[in-house]
Amino acid sequence: MSSEIYYFSGTGNSLQVARELQARLPESNLVPIVRPLDDDTIETHADMVGLVFPNFCLTIPIPVHDFLEKANMASARYVFAVCTRGGTPSEAFDYTNELLARQGKRLNAQLNITMPWNHPLGQENLPGTATEECIAHLDAEMQRKLDAFSERVLDWEAYLPEDTDADYEIPRWQKTLFSWIPKSFNYALHRYMYQDLIRFYSDSTCNGCGICERVCLSQKIALVDKKPVWQQAIKCYGCFACINYCPQQAIQIRSRFPVQSSTEVTARYHHPEVIYKDIAAQR
């Protein structure tokens, strides 16, 4: 059995899960999702194809959407997906299935895994919330879930459990709103938000190390006079690797209605076993 695990990871959670899956699935290869995105068509070559990505505002990240738009999965007889999230509910698998349906496929197995929160726009990531004890607990849960999940995958079994482990409840009005919004509009809204609403900048603590430029998966950041510049013509993926891997915690987001930034008070987080070079290697 050959398998390919396509992954997208901004702060290391999804990359660590992809690595753990690779260790459990013989003859599996890890493939960064962003690397082939400039190709007109992306051909898979394995009997089994997996996707590992973070939950982005209840749905899939922009590059994962773009990948599924271009991917030809004719080789795949079994497709699975693992979504990492900070305890929030997700509709990522519904979105994934909608895109897979265009080539007559759907997920055979799916799994949500709660990881430490790493989103800089809310205050859930205040200093002290991602403690060593919290990270160790979530890591143990991740290992347990992946052990059970990989057994199902290796047996080519259908595994589509309902999501009952979310730590947060979405208000009913938001559920109703999202149920009425077409998925294509939701994708366009994400594009607009990261391109036009969110404004990054570096504060006076920036020392020009260039790590933000190296981890920027869309290559939007360019270093000019040893300061990061976010190029308007290049789309942002919204992965926030630049924020979470900055050793000076110098990168911030300006508050701009309706986006309320908390970067000046929130902590930074990336998976402790994933260094910035691992994120940059996806490019």
C-alpha atoms as a PDB file:
ATOM      1  CA  MET A   1       0.000   0.000   0.000  1.00  0.00           C
ATOM      2  CA  SER A   2       1.365   3.416  -0.948  1.00  0.00           C
ATOM      3  CA  SER A   3       0.095   6.558   0.718  1.00  0.00           C
ATOM      4  CA  GLU A   4       0.678  10.280   0.373  1.00  0.00           C
ATOM      5  CA  ILE A   5      -0.024  12.671   3.241  1.00  0.00           C
ATOM      6  CA  TYR A   6      -0.493  16.230   2.030  1.00  0.00           C
ATOM      7  CA  TYR A   7      -0.144  18.770   4.818  1.00  0.00           C
ATOM      8  CA  PHE A   8      -0.396  22.501   5.460  1.00  0.00           C
ATOM      9  CA  SER A   9       0.927  23.929   8.724  1.00  0.00           C
ATOM     10  CA  GLY A  10       1.595  27.482   9.869  1.00  0.00           C
ATOM     11  CA  THR A  11       2.659  26.939  13.464  1.00  0.00           C
ATOM     12  CA  GLY A  12       3.555  23.273  13.517  1.00  0.00           C
ATOM     13  CA  ASN A  13       0.501  21.542  14.986  1.00  0.00           C
ATOM     14  CA  SER A  14      -0.613  20.003  11.701  1.00  0.00           C
ATOM     15  CA  LEU A  15       2.956  19.175  10.678  1.00  0.00           C
ATOM     16  CA  GLN A  16       3.488  17.279  13.930  1.00  0.00           C
ATOM     17  CA  VAL A  17       0.253  15.342  13.375  1.00  0.00           C
ATOM     18  CA  ALA A  18       1.334  14.557   9.796  1.00  0.00           C
ATOM     19  CA  ARG A  19       4.675  13.265  11.088  1.00  0.00           C
ATOM     20  CA  GLU A  20       2.938  11.058  13.646  1.00  0.00           C
ATOM     21  CA  LEU A  21       0.643   9.679  10.935  1.00  0.00           C
ATOM     22  CA  GLN A  22       3.594   8.965   8.673  1.00  0.00           C
ATOM     23  CA  ALA A  23       5.215   6.959  11.490  1.00  0.00           C
ATOM     24  CA  ARG A  24       2.051   4.840  11.744  1.00  0.00           C
ATOM     25  CA  LEU A  25       1.417   4.313   8.026  1.00  0.00           C
ATOM     26  CA  PRO A  26       4.078   2.222   6.258  1.00  0.00           C
ATOM     27  CA  GLU A  27       5.312   3.446   2.872  1.00  0.00           C
ATOM     28  CA  SER A  28       3.820   6.888   3.357  1.00  0.00           C
ATOM     29  CA  ASN A  29       5.287  10.153   2.102  1.00  0.00           C
ATOM     30  CA  LEU A  30       4.757  13.662   3.437  1.00  0.00           C
ATOM     31  CA  VAL A  31       4.007  16.256   0.754  1.00  0.00           C
ATOM     32  CA  PRO A  32       3.661  20.001   1.500  1.00  0.00           C
ATOM     33  CA  ILE A  33       0.427  21.358   0.042  1.00  0.00           C
ATOM     34  CA  VAL A  34       1.831  24.778  -0.850  1.00  0.00           C
ATOM     35  CA  ARG A  35       4.736  23.521  -2.950  1.00  0.00           C
ATOM     36  CA  PRO A  36       2.775  22.432  -6.073  1.00  0.00           C
ATOM     37  CA  LEU A  37       0.143  25.207  -5.967  1.00  0.00           C
ATOM     38  CA  ASP A  38       1.614  27.029  -8.947  1.00  0.00           C
ATOM     39  CA  ASP A  39       1.006  23.964 -11.147  1.00  0.00           C
ATOM     40  CA  ASP A  40      -2.099  23.913 -13.327  1.00  0.00           C
ATOM     41  CA  THR A  41      -2.941  20.377 -12.182  1.00  0.00           C
ATOM     42  CA  ILE A  42      -1.703  18.448  -9.160  1.00  0.00           C
ATOM     43  CA  GLU A  43      -1.554  14.695  -9.709  1.00  0.00           C
ATOM     44  CA  THR A  44      -1.634  12.286  -6.788  1.00  0.00           C
ATOM     45  CA  HIS A  45       0.155   8.965  -7.223  1.00  0.00           C
ATOM     46  CA  ALA A  46      -0.816   6.843  -4.229  1.00  0.00           C
ATOM     47  CA  ASP A  47      -3.618   4.377  -3.530  1.00  0.00           C
ATOM     48  CA  MET A  48      -4.324   6.234  -0.283  1.00  0.00           C
ATOM     49  CA  VAL A  49      -4.298  10.026  -0.016  1.00  0.00           C
ATOM     50  CA  GLY A  50      -4.460  11.917   3.265  1.00  0.00           C
ATOM     51  CA  LEU A  51      -4.914  15.591   4.080  1.00  0.00           C
ATOM     52  CA  VAL A  52      -3.746  17.229   7.321  1.00  0.00           C
ATOM     53  CA  PHE A  53      -4.557  20.869   7.953  1.00  0.00           C
ATOM     54  CA  PRO A  54      -5.728  23.320  10.648  1.00  0.00           C
ATOM     55  CA  ASN A  55      -9.273  24.555  11.109  1.00  0.00           C
ATOM     56  CA  PHE A  56      -9.583  28.117   9.766  1.00  0.00           C
ATOM     57  CA  CYS A  57     -12.730  29.911  10.946  1.00  0.00           C
ATOM     58  CA  LEU A  58     -14.789  26.683  10.832  1.00  0.00           C
ATOM     59  CA  THR A  59     -13.500  25.734   7.402  1.00  0.00           C
ATOM     60  CA  ILE A  60     -10.384  24.736   5.446  1.00  0.00           C
ATOM     61  CA  PRO A  61      -7.384  27.034   4.923  1.00  0.00           C
ATOM     62  CA  ILE A  62      -7.094  28.960   1.656  1.00  0.00           C
ATOM     63  CA  PRO A  63      -4.187  26.854   0.249  1.00  0.00           C
ATOM     64  CA  VAL A  64      -6.033  23.616   1.052  1.00  0.00           C
ATOM     65  CA  HIS A  65      -9.022  24.889  -0.920  1.00  0.00           C
ATOM     66  CA  ASP A  66      -6.722  25.828  -3.814  1.00  0.00           C
ATOM     67  CA  PHE A  67      -5.039  22.423  -3.653  1.00  0.00           C
ATOM     68  CA  LEU A  68      -8.358  20.560  -3.816  1.00  0.00           C
ATOM     69  CA  GLU A  69      -9.428  22.730  -6.748  1.00  0.00           C
ATOM     70  CA  LYS A  70      -6.387  21.561  -8.727  1.00  0.00           C
ATOM     71  CA  ALA A  71      -5.816  18.046  -7.408  1.00  0.00           C
ATOM     72  CA  ASN A  72      -6.511  15.062  -9.645  1.00  0.00           C
ATOM     73  CA  MET A  73      -6.985  12.174  -7.223  1.00  0.00           C
ATOM     74  CA  ALA A  74      -7.666   9.487  -9.783  1.00  0.00           C
ATOM     75  CA  SER A  75      -4.998   7.334  -8.133  1.00  0.00           C
ATOM     76  CA  ALA A  76      -6.709   7.373  -4.741  1.00  0.00           C
ATOM     77  CA  ARG A  77      -8.975   4.544  -3.687  1.00  0.00           C
ATOM     78  CA  TYR A  78      -9.144   5.832  -0.104  1.00  0.00           C
ATOM     79  CA  VAL A  79      -9.082   9.464   1.079  1.00  0.00           C
ATOM     80  CA  PHE A  80      -8.782  10.644   4.669  1.00  0.00           C
ATOM     81  CA  ALA A  81      -8.434  13.996   6.413  1.00  0.00           C
ATOM     82  CA  VAL A  82      -7.264  15.137   9.843  1.00  0.00           C
ATOM     83  CA  CYS A  83      -8.147  18.628  11.042  1.00  0.00           C
ATOM     84  CA  THR A  84      -6.298  20.242  13.953  1.00  0.00           C
ATOM     85  CA  ARG A  85      -8.139  22.886  15.922  1.00  0.00           C
ATOM     86  CA  GLY A  86      -7.946  24.823  19.174  1.00  0.00           C
ATOM     87  CA  GLY A  87     -11.056  23.197  20.598  1.00  0.00           C
ATOM     88  CA  THR A  88     -13.475  24.931  18.244  1.00  0.00           C
ATOM     89  CA  PRO A  89     -16.096  23.087  16.180  1.00  0.00           C
ATOM     90  CA  SER A  90     -15.328  22.742  12.484  1.00  0.00           C
ATOM     91  CA  GLU A  91     -17.145  22.237   9.217  1.00  0.00           C
ATOM     92  CA  ALA A  92     -13.892  21.577   7.389  1.00  0.00           C
ATOM     93  CA  PHE A  93     -14.861  18.064   6.326  1.00  0.00           C
ATOM     94  CA  ASP A  94     -18.104  19.286   4.737  1.00  0.00           C
ATOM     95  CA  TYR A  95     -16.100  21.767   2.680  1.00  0.00           C
ATOM     96  CA  THR A  96     -13.554  19.090   1.797  1.00  0.00           C
ATOM     97  CA  ASN A  97     -16.268  16.695   0.623  1.00  0.00           C
ATOM     98  CA  GLU A  98     -17.881  19.377  -1.519  1.00  0.00           C
ATOM     99  CA  LEU A  99     -14.621  19.862  -3.414  1.00  0.00           C
ATOM    100  CA  LEU A 100     -13.870  16.135  -3.599  1.00  0.00           C
ATOM    101  CA  ALA A 101     -17.339  15.481  -5.034  1.00  0.00           C
ATOM    102  CA  ARG A 102     -16.309  17.255  -8.241  1.00  0.00           C
ATOM    103  CA  GLN A 103     -14.195  14.221  -9.065  1.00  0.00           C
ATOM    104  CA  GLY A 104     -16.598  11.663  -7.686  1.00  0.00           C
ATOM    105  CA  LYS A 105     -14.875  11.163  -4.346  1.00  0.00           C
ATOM    106  CA  ARG A 106     -15.530  11.851  -0.681  1.00  0.00           C
ATOM    107  CA  LEU A 107     -13.707  11.259   2.574  1.00  0.00           C
ATOM    108  CA  ASN A 108     -13.477   7.654   3.717  1.00  0.00           C
ATOM    109  CA  ALA A 109     -12.136   8.663   7.136  1.00  0.00           C
ATOM    110  CA  GLN A 110     -11.907  11.879   9.116  1.00  0.00           C
ATOM    111  CA  LEU A 111     -10.629  13.011  12.503  1.00  0.00           C
ATOM    112  CA  ASN A 112     -10.597  16.256  14.504  1.00  0.00           C
ATOM    113  CA  ILE A 113      -7.715  16.706  16.933  1.00  0.00           C
ATOM    114  CA  THR A 114      -7.579  19.450  19.563  1.00  0.00           C
ATOM    115  CA  MET A 115      -4.176  21.109  19.847  1.00  0.00           C
ATOM    116  CA  PRO A 116      -2.926  24.178  21.764  1.00  0.00           C
ATOM    117  CA  TRP A 117      -4.615  27.390  20.622  1.00  0.00           C
ATOM    118  CA  ASN A 118      -2.443  29.526  18.328  1.00  0.00           C
ATOM    119  CA  HIS A 119      -4.759  32.122  16.760  1.00  0.00           C
ATOM    120  CA  PRO A 120      -3.601  35.709  17.472  1.00  0.00           C
ATOM    121  CA  LEU A 121      -6.900  37.519  16.895  1.00  0.00           C
ATOM    122  CA  GLY A 122      -8.673  36.245  20.011  1.00  0.00           C
ATOM    123  CA  GLN A 123      -7.568  36.433  23.630  1.00  0.00           C
ATOM    124  CA  GLU A 124      -7.731  32.678  24.225  1.00  0.00           C
ATOM    125  CA  ASN A 125      -3.933  32.577  23.736  1.00  0.00           C
ATOM    126  CA  LEU A 126      -3.082  34.851  26.644  1.00  0.00           C
ATOM    127  CA  PRO A 127       0.269  34.196  28.359  1.00  0.00           C
ATOM    128  CA  GLY A 128       0.075  31.132  30.582  1.00  0.00           C
ATOM    129  CA  THR A 129      -2.746  29.351  28.742  1.00  0.00           C
ATOM    130  CA  ALA A 130      -0.531  27.023  26.683  1.00  0.00           C
ATOM    131  CA  THR A 131       1.344  25.597  29.663  1.00  0.00           C
ATOM    132  CA  GLU A 132       3.700  22.627  29.485  1.00  0.00           C
ATOM    133  CA  GLU A 133       1.056  20.554  31.294  1.00  0.00           C
ATOM    134  CA  CYS A 134      -1.611  21.570  28.764  1.00  0.00           C
ATOM    135  CA  ILE A 135       0.645  20.792  25.807  1.00  0.00           C
ATOM    136  CA  ALA A 136       1.627  17.412  27.302  1.00  0.00           C
ATOM    137  CA  HIS A 137      -2.021  16.510  27.952  1.00  0.00           C
ATOM    138  CA  LEU A 138      -3.111  17.403  24.422  1.00  0.00           C
ATOM    139  CA  ASP A 139      -0.120  15.567  22.957  1.00  0.00           C
ATOM    140  CA  ALA A 140      -1.093  12.393  24.835  1.00  0.00           C
ATOM    141  CA  GLU A 141      -4.661  12.716  23.555  1.00  0.00           C
ATOM    142  CA  MET A 142      -3.366  13.260  20.027  1.00  0.00           C
ATOM    143  CA  GLN A 143      -1.228  10.104  20.234  1.00  0.00           C
ATOM    144  CA  ARG A 144      -4.188   8.082  21.526  1.00  0.00           C
ATOM    145  CA  LYS A 145      -6.508   9.304  18.789  1.00  0.00           C
ATOM    146  CA  LEU A 146      -3.965   8.716  16.042  1.00  0.00           C
ATOM    147  CA  ASP A 147      -3.326   5.158  17.253  1.00  0.00           C
ATOM    148  CA  ALA A 148      -7.015   4.307  16.885  1.00  0.00           C
ATOM    149  CA  PHE A 149      -7.435   6.289  13.659  1.00  0.00           C
ATOM    150  CA  SER A 150      -4.414   4.760  11.910  1.00  0.00           C
ATOM    151  CA  GLU A 151      -5.681   1.257  12.673  1.00  0.00           C
ATOM    152  CA  ARG A 152      -8.915   2.048  10.844  1.00  0.00           C
ATOM    153  CA  VAL A 153      -7.024   3.614   7.955  1.00  0.00           C
ATOM    154  CA  LEU A 154      -4.653   0.660   7.609  1.00  0.00           C
ATOM    155  CA  ASP A 155      -7.685  -1.632   7.374  1.00  0.00           C
ATOM    156  CA  TRP A 156      -9.269   0.651   4.749  1.00  0.00           C
ATOM    157  CA  GLU A 157     -12.298   1.072   6.976  1.00  0.00           C
ATOM    158  CA  ALA A 158     -14.830   3.874   6.833  1.00  0.00           C
ATOM    159  CA  TYR A 159     -14.417   6.101   9.880  1.00  0.00           C
ATOM    160  CA  LEU A 160     -16.650   9.179   9.992  1.00  0.00           C
ATOM    161  CA  PRO A 161     -17.435   9.952  13.652  1.00  0.00           C
ATOM    162  CA  GLU A 162     -19.465  12.960  14.726  1.00  0.00           C
ATOM    163  CA  ASP A 163     -17.479  15.754  16.333  1.00  0.00           C
ATOM    164  CA  THR A 164     -18.269  15.497  20.037  1.00  0.00           C
ATOM    165  CA  ASP A 165     -14.965  16.748  21.494  1.00  0.00           C
ATOM    166  CA  ALA A 166     -15.162  20.470  20.764  1.00  0.00           C
ATOM    167  CA  ASP A 167     -14.515  22.634  23.817  1.00  0.00           C
ATOM    168  CA  TYR A 168     -16.458  25.652  22.543  1.00  0.00           C
ATOM    169  CA  GLU A 169     -20.074  25.996  21.510  1.00  0.00           C
ATOM    170  CA  ILE A 170     -20.851  28.221  18.554  1.00  0.00           C
ATOM    171  CA  PRO A 171     -23.842  30.538  19.203  1.00  0.00           C
ATOM    172  CA  ARG A 172     -26.975  29.360  17.436  1.00  0.00           C
ATOM    173  CA  TRP A 173     -27.245  32.546  15.370  1.00  0.00           C
ATOM    174  CA  GLN A 174     -23.753  31.940  13.994  1.00  0.00           C
ATOM    175  CA  LYS A 175     -24.609  28.335  13.117  1.00  0.00           C
ATOM    176  CA  THR A 176     -27.700  29.542  11.285  1.00  0.00           C
ATOM    177  CA  LEU A 177     -25.721  32.229   9.457  1.00  0.00           C
ATOM    178  CA  PHE A 178     -23.006  29.829   8.348  1.00  0.00           C
ATOM    179  CA  SER A 179     -25.588  27.288   7.193  1.00  0.00           C
ATOM    180  CA  TRP A 180     -27.056  29.877   4.810  1.00  0.00           C
ATOM    181  CA  ILE A 181     -23.739  31.183   3.438  1.00  0.00           C
ATOM    182  CA  PRO A 182     -22.673  29.367   0.250  1.00  0.00           C
ATOM    183  CA  LYS A 183     -19.279  27.714   0.664  1.00  0.00           C
ATOM    184  CA  SER A 184     -17.928  29.574  -2.365  1.00  0.00           C
ATOM    185  CA  PHE A 185     -18.813  32.878  -0.680  1.00  0.00           C
ATOM    186  CA  ASN A 186     -17.165  31.746   2.548  1.00  0.00           C
ATOM    187  CA  TYR A 187     -13.940  31.117   0.617  1.00  0.00           C
ATOM    188  CA  ALA A 188     -14.139  34.544  -1.050  1.00  0.00           C
ATOM    189  CA  LEU A 189     -14.727  36.125   2.367  1.00  0.00           C
ATOM    190  CA  HIS A 190     -11.581  34.497   3.736  1.00  0.00           C
ATOM    191  CA  ARG A 191      -9.590  35.748   0.764  1.00  0.00           C
ATOM    192  CA  TYR A 192     -10.895  39.269   1.344  1.00  0.00           C
ATOM    193  CA  MET A 193     -10.254  39.159   5.084  1.00  0.00           C
ATOM    194  CA  TYR A 194      -6.604  38.154   4.820  1.00  0.00           C
ATOM    195  CA  GLN A 195      -5.928  40.408   1.860  1.00  0.00           C
ATOM    196  CA  ASP A 196      -7.787  43.599   2.764  1.00  0.00           C
ATOM    197  CA  LEU A 197      -8.896  43.571   6.410  1.00  0.00           C
ATOM    198  CA  ILE A 198      -5.859  42.242   8.251  1.00  0.00           C
ATOM    199  CA  ARG A 199      -2.868  44.572   8.325  1.00  0.00           C
ATOM    200  CA  PHE A 200       0.449  43.262   9.636  1.00  0.00           C
ATOM    201  CA  TYR A 201       3.325  45.406  10.842  1.00  0.00           C
ATOM    202  CA  SER A 202       6.550  45.025  12.817  1.00  0.00           C
ATOM    203  CA  ASP A 203       7.103  47.105  15.930  1.00  0.00           C
ATOM    204  CA  SER A 204      10.304  48.687  17.253  1.00  0.00           C
ATOM    205  CA  THR A 205      11.603  45.398  18.696  1.00  0.00           C
ATOM    206  CA  CYS A 206      12.171  43.942  15.206  1.00  0.00           C
ATOM    207  CA  ASN A 207      15.871  43.158  14.700  1.00  0.00           C
ATOM    208  CA  GLY A 208      15.677  42.258  11.011  1.00  0.00           C
ATOM    209  CA  CYS A 209      16.489  38.553  11.478  1.00  0.00           C
ATOM    210  CA  GLY A 210      14.375  37.593   8.442  1.00  0.00           C
ATOM    211  CA  ILE A 211      12.661  34.562   9.990  1.00  0.00           C
ATOM    212  CA  CYS A 212       9.244  35.993   9.087  1.00  0.00           C
ATOM    213  CA  GLU A 213      10.250  36.153   5.426  1.00  0.00           C
ATOM    214  CA  ARG A 214      11.447  32.541   5.488  1.00  0.00           C
ATOM    215  CA  VAL A 215       8.321  31.101   7.120  1.00  0.00           C
ATOM    216  CA  CYS A 216       5.840  33.081   4.992  1.00  0.00           C
ATOM    217  CA  LEU A 217       4.267  30.259   3.001  1.00  0.00           C
ATOM    218  CA  SER A 218       2.642  32.525   0.417  1.00  0.00           C
ATOM    219  CA  GLN A 219       5.921  34.493   0.041  1.00  0.00           C
ATOM    220  CA  LYS A 220       4.064  37.695   0.769  1.00  0.00           C
ATOM    221  CA  ILE A 221       6.771  39.028   3.108  1.00  0.00           C
ATOM    222  CA  ALA A 222       9.891  40.637   1.673  1.00  0.00           C
ATOM    223  CA  LEU A 223      12.695  42.101   3.747  1.00  0.00           C
ATOM    224  CA  VAL A 224      13.394  45.722   2.779  1.00  0.00           C
ATOM    225  CA  ASP A 225      16.169  47.519   4.653  1.00  0.00           C
ATOM    226  CA  LYS A 226      16.029  44.697   7.224  1.00  0.00           C
ATOM    227  CA  LYS A 227      12.328  45.281   7.889  1.00  0.00           C
ATOM    228  CA  PRO A 228       9.449  43.015   6.771  1.00  0.00           C
ATOM    229  CA  VAL A 229       7.115  44.361   4.105  1.00  0.00           C
ATOM    230  CA  TRP A 230       3.821  42.609   3.342  1.00  0.00           C
ATOM    231  CA  GLN A 231       3.448  42.897  -0.433  1.00  0.00           C
ATOM    232  CA  GLN A 232      -0.094  43.899  -1.340  1.00  0.00           C
ATOM    233  CA  ALA A 233      -0.068  42.108  -4.698  1.00  0.00           C
ATOM    234  CA  ILE A 234       0.582  38.702  -3.081  1.00  0.00           C
ATOM    235  CA  LYS A 235      -2.228  36.868  -1.287  1.00  0.00           C
ATOM    236  CA  CYS A 236      -1.831  36.008   2.394  1.00  0.00           C
ATOM    237  CA  TYR A 237      -2.628  32.441   3.478  1.00  0.00           C
ATOM    238  CA  GLY A 238      -3.552  33.523   6.998  1.00  0.00           C
ATOM    239  CA  CYS A 239      -1.280  30.948   8.633  1.00  0.00           C
ATOM    240  CA  PHE A 240       0.235  33.451  11.121  1.00  0.00           C
ATOM    241  CA  ALA A 241       3.608  31.679  11.013  1.00  0.00           C
ATOM    242  CA  CYS A 242       5.250  35.108  10.836  1.00  0.00           C
ATOM    243  CA  ILE A 243       3.656  36.100  14.142  1.00  0.00           C
ATOM    244  CA  ASN A 244       4.215  32.876  16.035  1.00  0.00           C
ATOM    245  CA  TYR A 245       7.803  32.214  14.932  1.00  0.00           C
ATOM    246  CA  CYS A 246       9.116  35.767  15.369  1.00  0.00           C
ATOM    247  CA  PRO A 247      11.742  35.433  18.140  1.00  0.00           C
ATOM    248  CA  GLN A 248      11.242  39.068  19.164  1.00  0.00           C
ATOM    249  CA  GLN A 249       7.413  38.888  19.150  1.00  0.00           C
ATOM    250  CA  ALA A 250       7.730  42.009  17.007  1.00  0.00           C
ATOM    251  CA  ILE A 251       5.010  41.286  14.448  1.00  0.00           C
ATOM    252  CA  GLN A 252       1.575  42.657  15.214  1.00  0.00           C
ATOM    253  CA  ILE A 253      -1.818  43.062  13.548  1.00  0.00           C
ATOM    254  CA  ARG A 254      -3.557  46.418  13.513  1.00  0.00           C
ATOM    255  CA  SER A 255      -7.107  46.470  14.826  1.00  0.00           C
ATOM    256  CA  ARG A 256      -9.460  47.402  12.017  1.00  0.00           C
ATOM    257  CA  PHE A 257     -13.216  46.940  12.079  1.00  0.00           C
ATOM    258  CA  PRO A 258     -14.502  44.235  12.135  1.00  0.00           C
ATOM    259  CA  VAL A 259     -11.151  42.565  12.985  1.00  0.00           C
ATOM    260  CA  GLN A 260     -10.131  43.119  16.605  1.00  0.00           C
ATOM    261  CA  SER A 261      -6.460  42.306  17.088  1.00  0.00           C
ATOM    262  CA  SER A 262      -5.042  41.134  20.401  1.00  0.00           C
ATOM    263  CA  THR A 263      -1.464  40.544  19.280  1.00  0.00           C
ATOM    264  CA  GLU A 264       0.024  43.113  21.652  1.00  0.00           C
ATOM    265  CA  VAL A 265      -1.196  41.119  24.680  1.00  0.00           C
ATOM    266  CA  THR A 266      -1.434  37.514  23.437  1.00  0.00           C
ATOM    267  CA  ALA A 267       1.375  35.003  23.756  1.00  0.00           C
ATOM    268  CA  ARG A 268       3.031  33.371  20.774  1.00  0.00           C
ATOM    269  CA  TYR A 269       2.834  29.632  20.244  1.00  0.00           C
ATOM    270  CA  HIS A 270       4.306  27.088  17.893  1.00  0.00           C
ATOM    271  CA  HIS A 271       4.597  23.369  18.395  1.00  0.00           C
ATOM    272  CA  PRO A 272       7.675  22.742  20.570  1.00  0.00           C
ATOM    273  CA  GLU A 273       8.984  20.028  18.232  1.00  0.00           C
ATOM    274  CA  VAL A 274       8.622  22.088  15.051  1.00  0.00           C
ATOM    275  CA  ILE A 275      11.253  24.738  14.342  1.00  0.00           C
ATOM    276  CA  TYR A 276      10.929  27.577  11.855  1.00  0.00           C
ATOM    277  CA  LYS A 277      13.070  25.737   9.286  1.00  0.00           C
ATOM    278  CA  ASP A 278      10.476  22.933   9.227  1.00  0.00           C
ATOM    279  CA  ILE A 279       7.746  25.440   8.355  1.00  0.00           C
ATOM    280  CA  ALA A 280       9.911  27.162   5.726  1.00  0.00           C
ATOM    281  CA  ALA A 281      10.672  23.776   4.127  1.00  0.00           C
ATOM    282  CA  GLN A 282       7.081  23.583   2.862  1.00  0.00           C
ATOM    283  CA  ARG A 283       7.838  26.208   0.207  1.00  0.00           C
END
